[in-house]
PDB file of N, CA and C in Angstrom:
ATOM      1  N   UNK A   1       3.512  10.856  -7.605  1.00  0.00           N
ATOM      2  CA  UNK A   1       4.474  11.881  -7.249  1.00  0.00           C
ATOM      3  C   UNK A   1       4.858  12.680  -8.489  1.00  0.00           C
ATOM      4  N   UNK A   2       6.037  12.503  -9.056  1.00  0.00           N
ATOM      5  CA  UNK A   2       6.497  13.323 -10.174  1.00  0.00           C
ATOM      6  C   UNK A   2       6.522  12.488 -11.433  1.00  0.00           C
ATOM      7  N   UNK A   3       5.638  12.820 -12.377  1.00  0.00           N
ATOM      8  CA  UNK A   3       5.596  12.110 -13.650  1.00  0.00           C
ATOM      9  C   UNK A   3       5.871  13.101 -14.759  1.00  0.00           C
ATOM     10  N   UNK A   4       6.620  12.636 -15.752  1.00  0.00           N
ATOM     11  CA  UNK A   4       6.880  13.477 -16.913  1.00  0.00           C
ATOM     12  C   UNK A   4       7.247  12.603 -18.093  1.00  0.00           C
ATOM     13  N   UNK A   5       6.920  13.070 -19.252  1.00  0.00           N
ATOM     14  CA  UNK A   5       7.364  12.438 -20.484  1.00  0.00           C
ATOM     15  C   UNK A   5       8.288  13.376 -21.246  1.00  0.00           C
ATOM     16  N   UNK A   6       8.777  14.410 -20.567  1.00  0.00           N
ATOM     17  CA  UNK A   6       9.608  15.413 -21.212  1.00  0.00           C
ATOM     18  C   UNK A   6      10.819  14.789 -21.886  1.00  0.00           C
ATOM     19  N   UNK A   7      11.447  13.818 -21.218  1.00  0.00           N
ATOM     20  CA  UNK A   7      12.654  13.229 -21.785  1.00  0.00           C
ATOM     21  C   UNK A   7      12.376  11.910 -22.495  1.00  0.00           C
ATOM     22  N   UNK A   8      11.123  11.534 -22.624  1.00  0.00           N
ATOM     23  CA  UNK A   8      10.775  10.314 -23.324  1.00  0.00           C
ATOM     24  C   UNK A   8      10.936   9.057 -22.491  1.00  0.00           C
ATOM     25  N   UNK A   9      11.349   9.208 -21.233  1.00  0.00           N
ATOM     26  CA  UNK A   9      11.566   8.043 -20.387  1.00  0.00           C
ATOM     27  C   UNK A   9      10.353   7.672 -19.553  1.00  0.00           C
ATOM     28  N   UNK A  10       9.280   8.452 -19.641  1.00  0.00           N
ATOM     29  CA  UNK A  10       8.100   8.145 -18.851  1.00  0.00           C
ATOM     30  C   UNK A  10       8.270   8.617 -17.425  1.00  0.00           C
ATOM     31  N   UNK A  11       8.020   7.760 -16.467  1.00  0.00           N
ATOM     32  CA  UNK A  11       8.032   8.115 -15.054  1.00  0.00           C
ATOM     33  C   UNK A  11       9.462   8.145 -14.513  1.00  0.00           C
ATOM     34  N   UNK A  12       9.938   9.340 -14.174  1.00  0.00           N
ATOM     35  CA  UNK A  12      11.280   9.483 -13.617  1.00  0.00           C
ATOM     36  C   UNK A  12      11.416   8.749 -12.291  1.00  0.00           C
ATOM     37  N   UNK A  13      10.325   8.659 -11.569  1.00  0.00           N
ATOM     38  CA  UNK A  13      10.373   7.945 -10.294  1.00  0.00           C
ATOM     39  C   UNK A  13      10.721   6.480 -10.519  1.00  0.00           C
ATOM     40  N   UNK A  14      10.098   5.854 -11.488  1.00  0.00           N
ATOM     41  CA  UNK A  14      10.378   4.442 -11.763  1.00  0.00           C
ATOM     42  C   UNK A  14      11.809   4.231 -12.228  1.00  0.00           C
ATOM     43  N   UNK A  15      12.338   5.204 -12.928  1.00  0.00           N
ATOM     44  CA  UNK A  15      13.691   5.079 -13.467  1.00  0.00           C
ATOM     45  C   UNK A  15      14.766   5.291 -12.406  1.00  0.00           C
ATOM     46  N   UNK A  16      14.372   5.702 -11.216  1.00  0.00           N
ATOM     47  CA  UNK A  16      15.355   6.050 -10.197  1.00  0.00           C
ATOM     48  C   UNK A  16      15.613   4.958  -9.176  1.00  0.00           C
ATOM     49  N   UNK A  17      14.935   3.835  -9.281  1.00  0.00           N
ATOM     50  CA  UNK A  17      15.216   2.740  -8.354  1.00  0.00           C
ATOM     51  C   UNK A  17      14.077   1.769  -8.235  1.00  0.00           C
ATOM     52  N   UNK A  18      14.421   0.516  -7.959  1.00  0.00           N
ATOM     53  CA  UNK A  18      13.407  -0.533  -7.854  1.00  0.00           C
ATOM     54  C   UNK A  18      12.925  -0.729  -6.416  1.00  0.00           C
ATOM     55  N   UNK A  19      13.633  -0.152  -5.440  1.00  0.00           N
ATOM     56  CA  UNK A  19      13.217  -0.232  -4.045  1.00  0.00           C
ATOM     57  C   UNK A  19      13.661   1.041  -3.324  1.00  0.00           C
ATOM     58  N   UNK A  20      13.272   1.175  -2.075  1.00  0.00           N
ATOM     59  CA  UNK A  20      13.541   2.403  -1.333  1.00  0.00           C
ATOM     60  C   UNK A  20      15.032   2.699  -1.240  1.00  0.00           C
ATOM     61  N   UNK A  21      15.831   1.721  -0.875  1.00  0.00           N
ATOM     62  CA  UNK A  21      17.261   1.942  -0.739  1.00  0.00           C
ATOM     63  C   UNK A  21      17.905   2.377  -2.042  1.00  0.00           C
ATOM     64  N   UNK A  22      17.559   1.710  -3.132  1.00  0.00           N
ATOM     65  CA  UNK A  22      18.126   2.065  -4.435  1.00  0.00           C
ATOM     66  C   UNK A  22      17.683   3.464  -4.855  1.00  0.00           C
ATOM     67  N   UNK A  23      16.429   3.791  -4.601  1.00  0.00           N
ATOM     68  CA  UNK A  23      15.944   5.121  -4.952  1.00  0.00           C
ATOM     69  C   UNK A  23      16.725   6.195  -4.187  1.00  0.00           C
ATOM     70  N   UNK A  24      16.927   5.978  -2.892  1.00  0.00           N
ATOM     71  CA  UNK A  24      17.657   6.963  -2.097  1.00  0.00           C
ATOM     72  C   UNK A  24      19.111   7.066  -2.542  1.00  0.00           C
ATOM     73  N   UNK A  25      19.692   5.946  -2.944  1.00  0.00           N
ATOM     74  CA  UNK A  25      21.061   5.975  -3.482  1.00  0.00           C
ATOM     75  C   UNK A  25      21.119   6.834  -4.751  1.00  0.00           C
ATOM     76  N   UNK A  26      20.040   6.850  -5.518  1.00  0.00           N
ATOM     77  CA  UNK A  26      19.984   7.591  -6.784  1.00  0.00           C
ATOM     78  C   UNK A  26      19.316   8.957  -6.660  1.00  0.00           C
ATOM     79  N   UNK A  27      18.987   9.368  -5.444  1.00  0.00           N
ATOM     80  CA  UNK A  27      18.239  10.607  -5.247  1.00  0.00           C
ATOM     81  C   UNK A  27      18.967  11.820  -5.816  1.00  0.00           C
ATOM     82  N   UNK A  28      20.273  11.873  -5.670  1.00  0.00           N
ATOM     83  CA  UNK A  28      21.019  13.014  -6.218  1.00  0.00           C
ATOM     84  C   UNK A  28      20.902  13.044  -7.740  1.00  0.00           C
ATOM     85  N   UNK A  29      21.000  11.892  -8.390  1.00  0.00           N
ATOM     86  CA  UNK A  29      20.850  11.835  -9.851  1.00  0.00           C
ATOM     87  C   UNK A  29      19.456  12.272 -10.279  1.00  0.00           C
ATOM     88  N   UNK A  30      18.442  11.888  -9.505  1.00  0.00           N
ATOM     89  CA  UNK A  30      17.066  12.284  -9.786  1.00  0.00           C
ATOM     90  C   UNK A  30      16.954  13.809  -9.809  1.00  0.00           C
ATOM     91  N   UNK A  31      17.507  14.467  -8.780  1.00  0.00           N
ATOM     92  CA  UNK A  31      17.434  15.927  -8.719  1.00  0.00           C
ATOM     93  C   UNK A  31      18.246  16.586  -9.828  1.00  0.00           C
ATOM     94  N   UNK A  32      19.343  15.983 -10.204  1.00  0.00           N
ATOM     95  CA  UNK A  32      20.144  16.513 -11.310  1.00  0.00           C
ATOM     96  C   UNK A  32      19.343  16.474 -12.605  1.00  0.00           C
ATOM     97  N   UNK A  33      18.618  15.398 -12.825  1.00  0.00           N
ATOM     98  CA  UNK A  33      17.788  15.284 -14.032  1.00  0.00           C
ATOM     99  C   UNK A  33      16.658  16.307 -14.022  1.00  0.00           C
ATOM    100  N   UNK A  34      16.033  16.511 -12.878  1.00  0.00           N
ATOM    101  CA  UNK A  34      14.952  17.497 -12.760  1.00  0.00           C
ATOM    102  C   UNK A  34      15.504  18.893 -13.053  1.00  0.00           C
ATOM    103  N   UNK A  35      16.702  19.195 -12.559  1.00  0.00           N
ATOM    104  CA  UNK A  35      17.299  20.516 -12.759  1.00  0.00           C
ATOM    105  C   UNK A  35      17.551  20.799 -14.238  1.00  0.00           C
ATOM    106  N   UNK A  36      17.714  19.767 -15.045  1.00  0.00           N
ATOM    107  CA  UNK A  36      17.906  19.975 -16.480  1.00  0.00           C
ATOM    108  C   UNK A  36      16.656  20.599 -17.108  1.00  0.00           C
ATOM    109  N   UNK A  37      15.484  20.286 -16.570  1.00  0.00           N
ATOM    110  CA  UNK A  37      14.229  20.815 -17.094  1.00  0.00           C
ATOM    111  C   UNK A  37      13.902  22.198 -16.544  1.00  0.00           C
ATOM    112  N   UNK A  38      14.500  22.524 -15.406  1.00  0.00           N
ATOM    113  CA  UNK A  38      14.230  23.785 -14.721  1.00  0.00           C
ATOM    114  C   UNK A  38      15.564  24.466 -14.406  1.00  0.00           C
ATOM    115  N   UNK A  39      16.135  25.172 -15.370  1.00  0.00           N
ATOM    116  CA  UNK A  39      17.480  25.727 -15.224  1.00  0.00           C
ATOM    117  C   UNK A  39      17.678  26.665 -14.033  1.00  0.00           C
ATOM    118  N   UNK A  40      16.625  27.323 -13.574  1.00  0.00           N
ATOM    119  CA  UNK A  40      16.770  28.244 -12.444  1.00  0.00           C
ATOM    120  C   UNK A  40      16.641  27.540 -11.087  1.00  0.00           C
ATOM    121  N   UNK A  41      16.293  26.276 -11.110  1.00  0.00           N
ATOM    122  CA  UNK A  41      16.132  25.500  -9.890  1.00  0.00           C
ATOM    123  C   UNK A  41      17.479  25.316  -9.191  1.00  0.00           C
ATOM    124  N   UNK A  42      17.493  25.512  -7.886  1.00  0.00           N
ATOM    125  CA  UNK A  42      18.673  25.228  -7.073  1.00  0.00           C
ATOM    126  C   UNK A  42      18.325  24.039  -6.186  1.00  0.00           C
ATOM    127  N   UNK A  43      18.465  22.828  -6.716  1.00  0.00           N
ATOM    128  CA  UNK A  43      18.024  21.660  -5.958  1.00  0.00           C
ATOM    129  C   UNK A  43      18.932  21.375  -4.769  1.00  0.00           C
ATOM    130  N   UNK A  44      18.408  20.664  -3.797  1.00  0.00           N
ATOM    131  CA  UNK A  44      19.253  20.256  -2.671  1.00  0.00           C
ATOM    132  C   UNK A  44      20.251  19.200  -3.145  1.00  0.00           C
ATOM    133  N   UNK A  45      21.234  18.937  -2.297  1.00  0.00           N
ATOM    134  CA  UNK A  45      22.200  17.879  -2.584  1.00  0.00           C
ATOM    135  C   UNK A  45      22.010  16.790  -1.537  1.00  0.00           C
ATOM    136  N   UNK A  46      21.979  15.559  -2.005  1.00  0.00           N
ATOM    137  CA  UNK A  46      21.811  14.414  -1.123  1.00  0.00           C
ATOM    138  C   UNK A  46      23.019  13.504  -1.237  1.00  0.00           C
ATOM    139  N   UNK A  47      23.471  13.005  -0.096  1.00  0.00           N
ATOM    140  CA  UNK A  47      24.544  12.016  -0.067  1.00  0.00           C
ATOM    141  C   UNK A  47      24.099  10.870   0.832  1.00  0.00           C
ATOM    142  N   UNK A  48      24.489   9.661   0.459  1.00  0.00           N
ATOM    143  CA  UNK A  48      24.171   8.479   1.252  1.00  0.00           C
ATOM    144  C   UNK A  48      25.462   7.951   1.862  1.00  0.00           C
ATOM    145  N   UNK A  49      25.382   7.545   3.137  1.00  0.00           N
ATOM    146  CA  UNK A  49      26.519   6.900   3.789  1.00  0.00           C
ATOM    147  C   UNK A  49      26.004   5.758   4.658  1.00  0.00           C
ATOM    148  N   UNK A  50      26.918   4.942   5.107  1.00  0.00           N
ATOM    149  CA  UNK A  50      26.621   3.867   6.064  1.00  0.00           C
ATOM    150  C   UNK A  50      25.458   2.980   5.619  1.00  0.00           C
ATOM    151  N   UNK A  51      25.452   2.600   4.373  1.00  0.00           N
ATOM    152  CA  UNK A  51      24.375   1.758   3.823  1.00  0.00           C
ATOM    153  C   UNK A  51      24.511   0.336   4.325  1.00  0.00           C
ATOM    154  N   UNK A  52      23.406  -0.217   4.795  1.00  0.00           N
ATOM    155  CA  UNK A  52      23.325  -1.632   5.151  1.00  0.00           C
ATOM    156  C   UNK A  52      22.171  -2.228   4.351  1.00  0.00           C
ATOM    157  N   UNK A  53      21.854  -3.484   4.601  1.00  0.00           N
ATOM    158  CA  UNK A  53      20.748  -4.127   3.894  1.00  0.00           C
ATOM    159  C   UNK A  53      19.410  -3.480   4.229  1.00  0.00           C
ATOM    160  N   UNK A  54      19.294  -2.870   5.427  1.00  0.00           N
ATOM    161  CA  UNK A  54      18.002  -2.337   5.864  1.00  0.00           C
ATOM    162  C   UNK A  54      18.054  -0.894   6.363  1.00  0.00           C
ATOM    163  N   UNK A  55      19.111  -0.175   6.046  1.00  0.00           N
ATOM    164  CA  UNK A  55      19.184   1.213   6.506  1.00  0.00           C
ATOM    165  C   UNK A  55      20.260   1.974   5.749  1.00  0.00           C
ATOM    166  N   UNK A  56      20.219   3.281   5.920  1.00  0.00           N
ATOM    167  CA  UNK A  56      21.276   4.153   5.406  1.00  0.00           C
ATOM    168  C   UNK A  56      21.151   5.493   6.091  1.00  0.00           C
ATOM    169  N   UNK A  57      22.221   6.272   6.012  1.00  0.00           N
ATOM    170  CA  UNK A  57      22.178   7.648   6.481  1.00  0.00           C
ATOM    171  C   UNK A  57      22.074   8.536   5.252  1.00  0.00           C
ATOM    172  N   UNK A  58      21.142   9.475   5.306  1.00  0.00           N
ATOM    173  CA  UNK A  58      20.936  10.404   4.208  1.00  0.00           C
ATOM    174  C   UNK A  58      21.339  11.798   4.680  1.00  0.00           C
ATOM    175  N   UNK A  59      22.286  12.396   3.968  1.00  0.00           N
ATOM    176  CA  UNK A  59      22.784  13.732   4.278  1.00  0.00           C
ATOM    177  C   UNK A  59      22.107  14.708   3.316  1.00  0.00           C
ATOM    178  N   UNK A  60      21.478  15.715   3.876  1.00  0.00           N
ATOM    179  CA  UNK A  60      20.673  16.673   3.114  1.00  0.00           C
ATOM    180  C   UNK A  60      21.315  18.054   3.210  1.00  0.00           C
ATOM    181  N   UNK A  61      21.779  18.551   2.072  1.00  0.00           N
ATOM    182  CA  UNK A  61      22.416  19.863   1.997  1.00  0.00           C
ATOM    183  C   UNK A  61      21.518  20.778   1.162  1.00  0.00           C
ATOM    184  N   UNK A  62      21.162  21.931   1.728  1.00  0.00           N
ATOM    185  CA  UNK A  62      20.317  22.871   1.008  1.00  0.00           C
ATOM    186  C   UNK A  62      20.609  24.291   1.473  1.00  0.00           C
ATOM    187  N   UNK A  63      20.329  25.250   0.609  1.00  0.00           N
ATOM    188  CA  UNK A  63      20.469  26.655   0.973  1.00  0.00           C
ATOM    189  C   UNK A  63      19.199  27.160   1.673  1.00  0.00           C
ATOM    190  N   UNK A  64      18.149  26.357   1.660  1.00  0.00           N
ATOM    191  CA  UNK A  64      16.872  26.755   2.256  1.00  0.00           C
ATOM    192  C   UNK A  64      16.758  26.220   3.679  1.00  0.00           C
ATOM    193  N   UNK A  65      16.358  27.059   4.596  1.00  0.00           N
ATOM    194  CA  UNK A  65      16.239  26.674   5.996  1.00  0.00           C
ATOM    195  C   UNK A  65      14.859  26.095   6.309  1.00  0.00           C
ATOM    196  N   UNK A  66      14.810  25.235   7.318  1.00  0.00           N
ATOM    197  CA  UNK A  66      13.541  24.778   7.868  1.00  0.00           C
ATOM    198  C   UNK A  66      12.831  23.668   7.137  1.00  0.00           C
ATOM    199  N   UNK A  67      13.499  22.962   6.221  1.00  0.00           N
ATOM    200  CA  UNK A  67      12.810  21.937   5.438  1.00  0.00           C
ATOM    201  C   UNK A  67      12.998  20.509   5.961  1.00  0.00           C
ATOM    202  N   UNK A  68      13.692  20.343   7.062  1.00  0.00           N
ATOM    203  CA  UNK A  68      13.921  18.993   7.580  1.00  0.00           C
ATOM    204  C   UNK A  68      12.615  18.220   7.833  1.00  0.00           C
ATOM    205  N   UNK A  69      11.593  18.826   8.444  1.00  0.00           N
ATOM    206  CA  UNK A  69      10.340  18.082   8.627  1.00  0.00           C
ATOM    207  C   UNK A  69       9.705  17.664   7.296  1.00  0.00           C
ATOM    208  N   UNK A  70       9.851  18.489   6.277  1.00  0.00           N
ATOM    209  CA  UNK A  70       9.343  18.159   4.944  1.00  0.00           C
ATOM    210  C   UNK A  70      10.077  16.933   4.399  1.00  0.00           C
ATOM    211  N   UNK A  71      11.397  16.882   4.607  1.00  0.00           N
ATOM    212  CA  UNK A  71      12.192  15.736   4.138  1.00  0.00           C
ATOM    213  C   UNK A  71      11.759  14.459   4.858  1.00  0.00           C
ATOM    214  N   UNK A  72      11.500  14.554   6.145  1.00  0.00           N
ATOM    215  CA  UNK A  72      11.019  13.382   6.891  1.00  0.00           C
ATOM    216  C   UNK A  72       9.726  12.867   6.260  1.00  0.00           C
ATOM    217  N   UNK A  73       8.801  13.767   5.951  1.00  0.00           N
ATOM    218  CA  UNK A  73       7.548  13.368   5.309  1.00  0.00           C
ATOM    219  C   UNK A  73       7.769  12.754   3.942  1.00  0.00           C
ATOM    220  N   UNK A  74       8.673  13.340   3.163  1.00  0.00           N
ATOM    221  CA  UNK A  74       8.975  12.779   1.839  1.00  0.00           C
ATOM    222  C   UNK A  74       9.563  11.389   1.948  1.00  0.00           C
ATOM    223  N   UNK A  75      10.477  11.187   2.890  1.00  0.00           N
ATOM    224  CA  UNK A  75      11.088   9.867   3.059  1.00  0.00           C
ATOM    225  C   UNK A  75      10.053   8.828   3.484  1.00  0.00           C
ATOM    226  N   UNK A  76       9.165   9.226   4.363  1.00  0.00           N
ATOM    227  CA  UNK A  76       8.088   8.328   4.790  1.00  0.00           C
ATOM    228  C   UNK A  76       7.179   7.998   3.602  1.00  0.00           C
ATOM    229  N   UNK A  77       6.849   9.010   2.811  1.00  0.00           N
ATOM    230  CA  UNK A  77       6.028   8.808   1.619  1.00  0.00           C
ATOM    231  C   UNK A  77       6.703   7.921   0.589  1.00  0.00           C
ATOM    232  N   UNK A  78       8.013   8.053   0.440  1.00  0.00           N
ATOM    233  CA  UNK A  78       8.740   7.173  -0.480  1.00  0.00           C
ATOM    234  C   UNK A  78       8.662   5.726  -0.004  1.00  0.00           C
ATOM    235  N   UNK A  79       8.718   5.529   1.307  1.00  0.00           N
ATOM    236  CA  UNK A  79       8.535   4.178   1.837  1.00  0.00           C
ATOM    237  C   UNK A  79       7.189   3.610   1.420  1.00  0.00           C
ATOM    238  N   UNK A  80       6.144   4.415   1.524  1.00  0.00           N
ATOM    239  CA  UNK A  80       4.807   3.977   1.107  1.00  0.00           C
ATOM    240  C   UNK A  80       4.779   3.672  -0.380  1.00  0.00           C
ATOM    241  N   UNK A  81       5.437   4.503  -1.168  1.00  0.00           N
ATOM    242  CA  UNK A  81       5.466   4.283  -2.618  1.00  0.00           C
ATOM    243  C   UNK A  81       6.085   2.927  -2.963  1.00  0.00           C
ATOM    244  N   UNK A  82       7.105   2.543  -2.198  1.00  0.00           N
ATOM    245  CA  UNK A  82       7.782   1.274  -2.445  1.00  0.00           C
ATOM    246  C   UNK A  82       7.239   0.151  -1.563  1.00  0.00           C
ATOM    247  N   UNK A  83       6.069   0.413  -0.934  1.00  0.00           N
ATOM    248  CA  UNK A  83       5.407  -0.568  -0.077  1.00  0.00           C
ATOM    249  C   UNK A  83       6.364  -1.109   0.981  1.00  0.00           C
ATOM    250  N   UNK A  84       7.083  -0.174   1.596  1.00  0.00           N
ATOM    251  CA  UNK A  84       8.088  -0.484   2.607  1.00  0.00           C
ATOM    252  C   UNK A  84       7.892   0.459   3.776  1.00  0.00           C
ATOM    253  N   UNK A  85       7.736  -0.085   4.964  1.00  0.00           N
ATOM    254  CA  UNK A  85       7.608   0.779   6.129  1.00  0.00           C
ATOM    255  C   UNK A  85       8.970   1.396   6.417  1.00  0.00           C
ATOM    256  N   UNK A  86       9.026   2.715   6.399  1.00  0.00           N
ATOM    257  CA  UNK A  86      10.279   3.430   6.615  1.00  0.00           C
ATOM    258  C   UNK A  86      10.215   4.168   7.952  1.00  0.00           C
ATOM    259  N   UNK A  87      11.236   3.971   8.758  1.00  0.00           N
ATOM    260  CA  UNK A  87      11.386   4.716  10.000  1.00  0.00           C
ATOM    261  C   UNK A  87      12.477   5.755   9.749  1.00  0.00           C
ATOM    262  N   UNK A  88      12.164   7.023   9.984  1.00  0.00           N
ATOM    263  CA  UNK A  88      13.103   8.113   9.720  1.00  0.00           C
ATOM    264  C   UNK A  88      13.412   8.824  11.038  1.00  0.00           C
ATOM    265  N   UNK A  89      14.704   8.897  11.358  1.00  0.00           N
ATOM    266  CA  UNK A  89      15.170   9.577  12.560  1.00  0.00           C
ATOM    267  C   UNK A  89      16.156  10.657  12.149  1.00  0.00           C
ATOM    268  N   UNK A  90      15.925  11.874  12.596  1.00  0.00           N
ATOM    269  CA  UNK A  90      16.862  12.948  12.281  1.00  0.00           C
ATOM    270  C   UNK A  90      18.021  12.883  13.272  1.00  0.00           C
ATOM    271  N   UNK A  91      19.238  12.753  12.728  1.00  0.00           N
ATOM    272  CA  UNK A  91      20.434  12.621  13.553  1.00  0.00           C
ATOM    273  C   UNK A  91      21.129  13.959  13.802  1.00  0.00           C
ATOM    274  N   UNK A  92      21.101  14.837  12.831  1.00  0.00           N
ATOM    275  CA  UNK A  92      21.660  16.179  13.011  1.00  0.00           C
ATOM    276  C   UNK A  92      20.732  17.177  12.343  1.00  0.00           C
ATOM    277  N   UNK A  93      20.705  18.383  12.899  1.00  0.00           N
ATOM    278  CA  UNK A  93      19.744  19.396  12.476  1.00  0.00           C
ATOM    279  C   UNK A  93      20.482  20.706  12.195  1.00  0.00           C
ATOM    280  N   UNK A  94      20.381  21.165  10.980  1.00  0.00           N
ATOM    281  CA  UNK A  94      20.997  22.433  10.595  1.00  0.00           C
ATOM    282  C   UNK A  94      20.452  23.582  11.435  1.00  0.00           C
ATOM    283  N   UNK A  95      19.196  23.476  11.825  1.00  0.00           N
ATOM    284  CA  UNK A  95      18.581  24.495  12.671  1.00  0.00           C
ATOM    285  C   UNK A  95      19.215  24.592  14.053  1.00  0.00           C
ATOM    286  N   UNK A  96      19.906  23.522  14.472  1.00  0.00           N
ATOM    287  CA  UNK A  96      20.601  23.509  15.763  1.00  0.00           C
ATOM    288  C   UNK A  96      22.094  23.782  15.604  1.00  0.00           C
ATOM    289  N   UNK A  97      22.506  24.197  14.400  1.00  0.00           N
ATOM    290  CA  UNK A  97      23.901  24.547  14.189  1.00  0.00           C
ATOM    291  C   UNK A  97      24.733  23.528  13.435  1.00  0.00           C
ATOM    292  N   UNK A  98      24.142  22.385  13.065  1.00  0.00           N
ATOM    293  CA  UNK A  98      24.889  21.390  12.297  1.00  0.00           C
ATOM    294  C   UNK A  98      25.161  21.919  10.890  1.00  0.00           C
ATOM    295  N   UNK A  99      26.186  21.402  10.260  1.00  0.00           N
ATOM    296  CA  UNK A  99      26.530  21.824   8.895  1.00  0.00           C
ATOM    297  C   UNK A  99      25.414  21.497   7.911  1.00  0.00           C
ATOM    298  N   UNK A 100      24.744  20.365   8.122  1.00  0.00           N
ATOM    299  CA  UNK A 100      23.640  19.933   7.265  1.00  0.00           C
ATOM    300  C   UNK A 100      22.742  19.009   8.074  1.00  0.00           C
ATOM    301  N   UNK A 101      21.573  18.721   7.531  1.00  0.00           N
ATOM    302  CA  UNK A 101      20.658  17.775   8.163  1.00  0.00           C
ATOM    303  C   UNK A 101      21.072  16.364   7.789  1.00  0.00           C
ATOM    304  N   UNK A 102      20.956  15.461   8.750  1.00  0.00           N
ATOM    305  CA  UNK A 102      21.296  14.055   8.510  1.00  0.00           C
ATOM    306  C   UNK A 102      20.172  13.190   9.081  1.00  0.00           C
ATOM    307  N   UNK A 103      19.770  12.184   8.310  1.00  0.00           N
ATOM    308  CA  UNK A 103      18.678  11.312   8.690  1.00  0.00           C
ATOM    309  C   UNK A 103      19.113   9.865   8.639  1.00  0.00           C
ATOM    310  N   UNK A 104      18.659   9.080   9.594  1.00  0.00           N
ATOM    311  CA  UNK A 104      18.796   7.634   9.523  1.00  0.00           C
ATOM    312  C   UNK A 104      17.481   7.101   8.983  1.00  0.00           C
ATOM    313  N   UNK A 105      17.551   6.379   7.879  1.00  0.00           N
ATOM    314  CA  UNK A 105      16.356   5.794   7.257  1.00  0.00           C
ATOM    315  C   UNK A 105      16.482   4.281   7.419  1.00  0.00           C
ATOM    316  N   UNK A 106      15.517   3.687   8.106  1.00  0.00           N
ATOM    317  CA  UNK A 106      15.509   2.239   8.351  1.00  0.00           C
ATOM    318  C   UNK A 106      14.254   1.645   7.729  1.00  0.00           C
ATOM    319  N   UNK A 107      14.384   0.447   7.173  1.00  0.00           N
ATOM    320  CA  UNK A 107      13.232  -0.230   6.593  1.00  0.00           C
ATOM    321  C   UNK A 107      13.306  -1.714   6.838  1.00  0.00           C
TER     322      UNK A 107
END
């Protein structure tokens, strides 16, 4: 996925969590670090709620429309990266008038 040695830390992906849940908890920090390298980037904002041992709700805030299916694919791919089967269900859709997209991620 995203590798860089720009900050001397090696793989930013590895530094963001040891498993899928931890990575998603740190997803906002990951994007904040990426934005430091790309000052014009307007990254999305992610929030986690309702965390359990095997699931969480991920709230996706962005100024760009139509990216919810892309996020579903990314979440599924992150599950593969962590060798964890991830089931992703979209709970709210900005395209249908919701304030932001919300996903239930189960593993």
